[in-house]
Structures are given as C-alpha cells and as structure tokens.
C-alpha cells in the first residue's frame, strides 16, 4: 500500500471516530427520546413507518426488519413498515403523480394518529421525504428524523432529530447505523 492510500484510510477512520465521539457527547438523550417515542407508540398499538432514499432506503428496511423480526433476542414481532420496498406502489406513484409523492401517498394511506414516522435523509432536504413528513404530521404521527446536515428543513420539521453532521453522506450514515442499532436494542428490551 502506498503512503497516500494509507493516509486516506486513516483520515476516514479518524473522521469516523470524531463523529462517534460527537455522538457520545450529544447523542444519548436524543437516542433515548427516540426509543421512548417508539416504545410509547408501540405500546398504544401504533406502527413505525420508515423512509429514505438510496442508502437511507436500505437503512429503512434494516430498521423495519430489526423491529418486525428481532434484533438481539427473541420477542414478539413489532409493527414496522419500510415505505421503500413495494416496487409496484413506488413506480405507480412515480408514474401517475411524481417521485416526490412516493412517501406522502403511502403516509396518506397508512399512517394514523399515534404512529411514528421515521425519516432518514443525509441532506435533510429530500423532497419526497419532506412530503411524507408533512402528510404524516397532518395525520398525527410523531416525527423522528436522522439527517446529515445541521439546520436542515427536515430537522426543523421533526419532533426529534439526530443530526450526524458531515459533508460525507457515508460518514453520516455510519453514525445513523450506530444510533438506530442502539434504538432497536432499547426498544427490544421493553418487549
């Protein structure tokens, strides 16, 4: 390995560690509050709806699978839906309306008062995520946001926001992964 490659690898690891330290300093209360909101919704018969684009779409599916199936122990299935998985719904909404409406239309159909709408957007400004949040809020859902940019539109629209602020979406998503795994563990421990 050449010096330049090694330097870049170390730089990325150092940035990750800096962000983990930041999460350690400012994240525990946010993580706890997000877990408590999810627990409250689930105990009252609510559902957790999760959305995002690209890597955040994969994260939405990952979170839903941890809640529905299991995280670290066996327990009852918890109602969670990734709004990123039904290709027929997504393509029909995109074709007949617009891609911007893929989460809003699903929220209109599914979300009810007392549910949690968990929105992931590293930019904090994804139009389809923001449209989904708007409808979910109108329907009475509690909004959790995971972003990668401070003072984003999504952060301002959320009840709780974890912002893993970095110019790299990858670094932000690494922190999101850690935080949502902790949340899933906290939720699971109560069921």
Protein backbone atom coordinates (compact mmCIF):
# COMPACT_ATOMS: atom_id res chain seq x y z
CA UNK A 1 0.00 0.00 0.00
CA UNK A 2 1.31 3.41 -0.85
CA UNK A 3 1.57 6.28 1.63
CA UNK A 4 -1.25 8.29 0.02
CA UNK A 5 -3.71 5.37 0.22
CA UNK A 6 -2.81 4.64 3.83
CA UNK A 7 -3.16 8.31 4.71
CA UNK A 8 -6.65 8.44 3.16
CA UNK A 9 -7.76 5.30 5.03
CA UNK A 10 -6.51 6.69 8.33
CA UNK A 11 -8.19 10.03 7.59
CA UNK A 12 -11.56 8.30 7.09
CA UNK A 13 -11.15 6.25 10.27
CA UNK A 14 -10.21 9.39 12.22
CA UNK A 15 -13.28 11.24 10.87
CA UNK A 16 -15.50 8.31 11.85
CA UNK A 17 -14.01 8.30 15.35
CA UNK A 18 -14.54 12.08 15.65
CA UNK A 19 -18.20 11.61 14.74
CA UNK A 20 -18.62 8.73 17.19
CA UNK A 21 -17.15 10.98 19.91
CA UNK A 22 -19.64 13.68 18.96
CA UNK A 23 -22.50 11.16 19.15
CA UNK A 24 -21.25 10.04 22.55
CA UNK A 25 -21.25 13.63 23.79
CA UNK A 26 -24.57 14.84 22.39
CA UNK A 27 -26.50 11.77 21.26
CA UNK A 28 -27.59 9.76 24.32
CA UNK A 29 -30.59 11.97 25.15
CA UNK A 30 -31.75 12.09 21.53
CA UNK A 31 -31.33 8.33 21.15
CA UNK A 32 -33.21 7.70 24.39
CA UNK A 33 -36.02 10.09 23.45
CA UNK A 34 -36.40 8.45 20.02
CA UNK A 35 -36.55 4.99 21.61
CA UNK A 36 -39.10 6.17 24.18
CA UNK A 37 -41.30 7.68 21.46
CA UNK A 38 -41.22 4.39 19.56
CA UNK A 39 -41.96 2.35 22.70
CA UNK A 40 -44.87 4.63 23.59
CA UNK A 41 -46.34 4.34 20.09
CA UNK A 42 -45.96 0.56 20.01
CA UNK A 43 -47.49 0.09 23.48
CA UNK A 44 -50.52 2.09 22.33
CA UNK A 45 -50.97 -0.02 19.19
CA UNK A 46 -49.11 2.27 16.80
CA UNK A 47 -46.90 1.40 13.86
CA UNK A 48 -43.44 2.66 12.94
CA UNK A 49 -43.12 3.85 9.32
CA UNK A 50 -39.62 4.44 7.98
CA UNK A 51 -38.48 6.11 4.75
CA UNK A 52 -35.41 7.35 2.94
CA UNK A 53 -33.64 7.28 -0.43
CA UNK A 54 -30.64 5.27 -1.62
CA UNK A 55 -28.58 4.09 1.36
CA UNK A 56 -31.21 5.55 3.66
CA UNK A 57 -33.83 3.40 1.90
CA UNK A 58 -31.71 0.38 2.77
CA UNK A 59 -31.47 1.67 6.35
CA UNK A 60 -35.28 1.99 6.49
CA UNK A 61 -35.57 -1.66 5.51
CA UNK A 62 -32.87 -2.65 8.01
CA UNK A 63 -34.66 -0.86 10.87
CA UNK A 64 -38.02 -2.40 9.94
CA UNK A 65 -36.50 -5.89 9.86
CA UNK A 66 -34.91 -5.41 13.30
CA UNK A 67 -38.28 -4.37 14.76
CA UNK A 68 -40.54 -6.87 12.99
CA UNK A 69 -38.31 -9.91 13.38
CA UNK A 70 -35.72 -9.47 16.11
CA UNK A 71 -32.63 -7.50 16.97
CA UNK A 72 -30.65 -9.42 19.60
CA UNK A 73 -33.24 -11.60 21.29
CA UNK A 74 -36.50 -13.37 20.57
CA UNK A 75 -39.66 -11.44 21.41
CA UNK A 76 -42.99 -10.63 19.84
CA UNK A 77 -42.96 -9.02 16.42
CA UNK A 78 -43.30 -5.24 16.46
CA UNK A 79 -45.23 -3.42 13.72
CA UNK A 80 -42.81 -1.54 11.48
CA UNK A 81 -43.00 -0.80 7.76
CA UNK A 82 -40.29 0.41 5.40
CA UNK A 83 -42.03 2.60 2.83
CA UNK A 84 -39.17 1.90 0.43
CA UNK A 85 -39.92 -1.69 -0.52
CA UNK A 86 -43.10 -2.02 -2.58
CA UNK A 87 -41.92 -1.51 -6.14
CA UNK A 88 -45.47 -1.54 -7.55
CA UNK A 89 -46.60 1.26 -5.23
CA UNK A 90 -43.42 3.29 -5.72
CA UNK A 91 -43.46 3.02 -9.51
CA UNK A 92 -47.17 3.65 -9.87
CA UNK A 93 -46.99 6.80 -7.72
CA UNK A 94 -43.86 7.94 -9.58
CA UNK A 95 -45.52 7.32 -12.94
CA UNK A 96 -49.01 8.63 -12.21
CA UNK A 97 -48.05 11.54 -9.95
CA UNK A 98 -44.38 12.18 -9.20
CA UNK A 99 -41.45 10.63 -7.40
CA UNK A 100 -41.81 13.39 -4.83
CA UNK A 101 -45.10 11.83 -3.69
CA UNK A 102 -43.95 8.22 -3.07
CA UNK A 103 -43.84 8.57 0.73
CA UNK A 104 -46.65 11.13 1.04
CA UNK A 105 -49.20 8.88 -0.70
CA UNK A 106 -48.20 5.92 1.44
CA UNK A 107 -48.43 8.06 4.57
CA UNK A 108 -51.87 9.22 3.45
CA UNK A 109 -52.99 5.61 3.09
CA UNK A 110 -51.35 4.07 6.15
CA UNK A 111 -50.33 6.49 8.90
CA UNK A 112 -52.69 7.17 11.78
CA UNK A 113 -52.57 9.32 14.89
CA UNK A 114 -50.10 7.93 17.40
CA UNK A 115 -47.82 6.28 14.83
CA UNK A 116 -44.15 7.17 14.40
CA UNK A 117 -42.84 8.37 11.04
CA UNK A 118 -39.06 7.91 10.93
CA UNK A 119 -37.48 9.90 8.11
CA UNK A 120 -33.87 9.42 7.02
CA UNK A 121 -32.19 11.97 4.74
CA UNK A 122 -28.50 12.77 4.88
CA UNK A 123 -29.16 16.06 3.08
CA UNK A 124 -32.18 16.82 5.24
CA UNK A 125 -33.85 18.23 2.16
CA UNK A 126 -35.07 15.26 0.08
CA UNK A 127 -38.39 16.44 -1.43
CA UNK A 128 -40.09 13.04 -1.20
CA UNK A 129 -39.06 12.57 2.44
CA UNK A 130 -40.24 16.08 3.34
CA UNK A 131 -43.56 15.48 1.57
CA UNK A 132 -44.01 12.25 3.53
CA UNK A 133 -43.23 14.03 6.81
CA UNK A 134 -45.78 16.74 6.00
CA UNK A 135 -48.58 14.22 5.46
CA UNK A 136 -47.56 12.09 8.45
CA UNK A 137 -47.60 15.20 10.68
CA UNK A 138 -51.08 16.11 9.38
CA UNK A 139 -52.23 12.58 10.24
CA UNK A 140 -50.95 12.93 13.83
CA UNK A 141 -47.71 10.95 13.67
CA UNK A 142 -44.67 11.65 15.81
CA UNK A 143 -41.71 12.54 13.56
CA UNK A 144 -38.20 11.20 14.11
CA UNK A 145 -35.53 12.45 11.70
CA UNK A 146 -32.00 11.28 11.00
CA UNK A 147 -30.05 13.83 8.96
CA UNK A 148 -26.51 14.65 7.97
CA UNK A 149 -26.82 18.43 7.75
CA UNK A 150 -27.37 20.88 10.59
CA UNK A 151 -30.40 23.20 10.45
CA UNK A 152 -31.98 21.34 7.54
CA UNK A 153 -35.65 21.56 6.63
CA UNK A 154 -36.14 18.01 7.88
CA UNK A 155 -34.57 18.84 11.25
CA UNK A 156 -36.97 21.79 11.63
CA UNK A 157 -39.99 19.59 10.83
CA UNK A 158 -39.10 16.79 13.26
CA UNK A 159 -40.09 16.24 16.87
CA UNK A 160 -36.70 14.59 17.44
CA UNK A 161 -33.69 14.85 15.15
CA UNK A 162 -30.37 13.09 15.24
CA UNK A 163 -28.00 15.04 13.02
CA UNK A 164 -24.74 13.30 12.10
CA UNK A 165 -23.33 16.44 10.52
CA UNK A 166 -20.67 15.75 7.90
CA UNK A 167 -20.02 16.62 4.26
CA UNK A 168 -19.83 12.88 3.52
CA UNK A 169 -23.15 11.02 3.39
CA UNK A 170 -21.20 7.82 4.13
CA UNK A 171 -19.84 9.17 7.43
CA UNK A 172 -23.33 10.41 8.40
CA UNK A 173 -24.86 7.03 7.60
CA UNK A 174 -22.24 5.24 9.71
CA UNK A 175 -23.42 7.25 12.72
CA UNK A 176 -27.06 6.63 11.78
CA UNK A 177 -26.34 2.87 11.78
CA UNK A 178 -24.86 3.02 15.28
CA UNK A 179 -27.71 5.17 16.60
CA UNK A 180 -30.51 3.07 15.14
CA UNK A 181 -28.96 -0.13 16.40
CA UNK A 182 -28.91 1.36 19.89
CA UNK A 183 -32.55 2.45 19.47
CA UNK A 184 -33.57 -1.01 18.30
CA UNK A 185 -31.86 -2.54 21.34
CA UNK A 186 -33.58 -0.13 23.73
CA UNK A 187 -36.96 -0.79 22.14
CA UNK A 188 -36.45 -4.55 22.16
CA UNK A 189 -35.53 -4.54 25.85
CA UNK A 190 -39.01 -3.24 26.68
CA UNK A 191 -40.84 -6.01 24.80
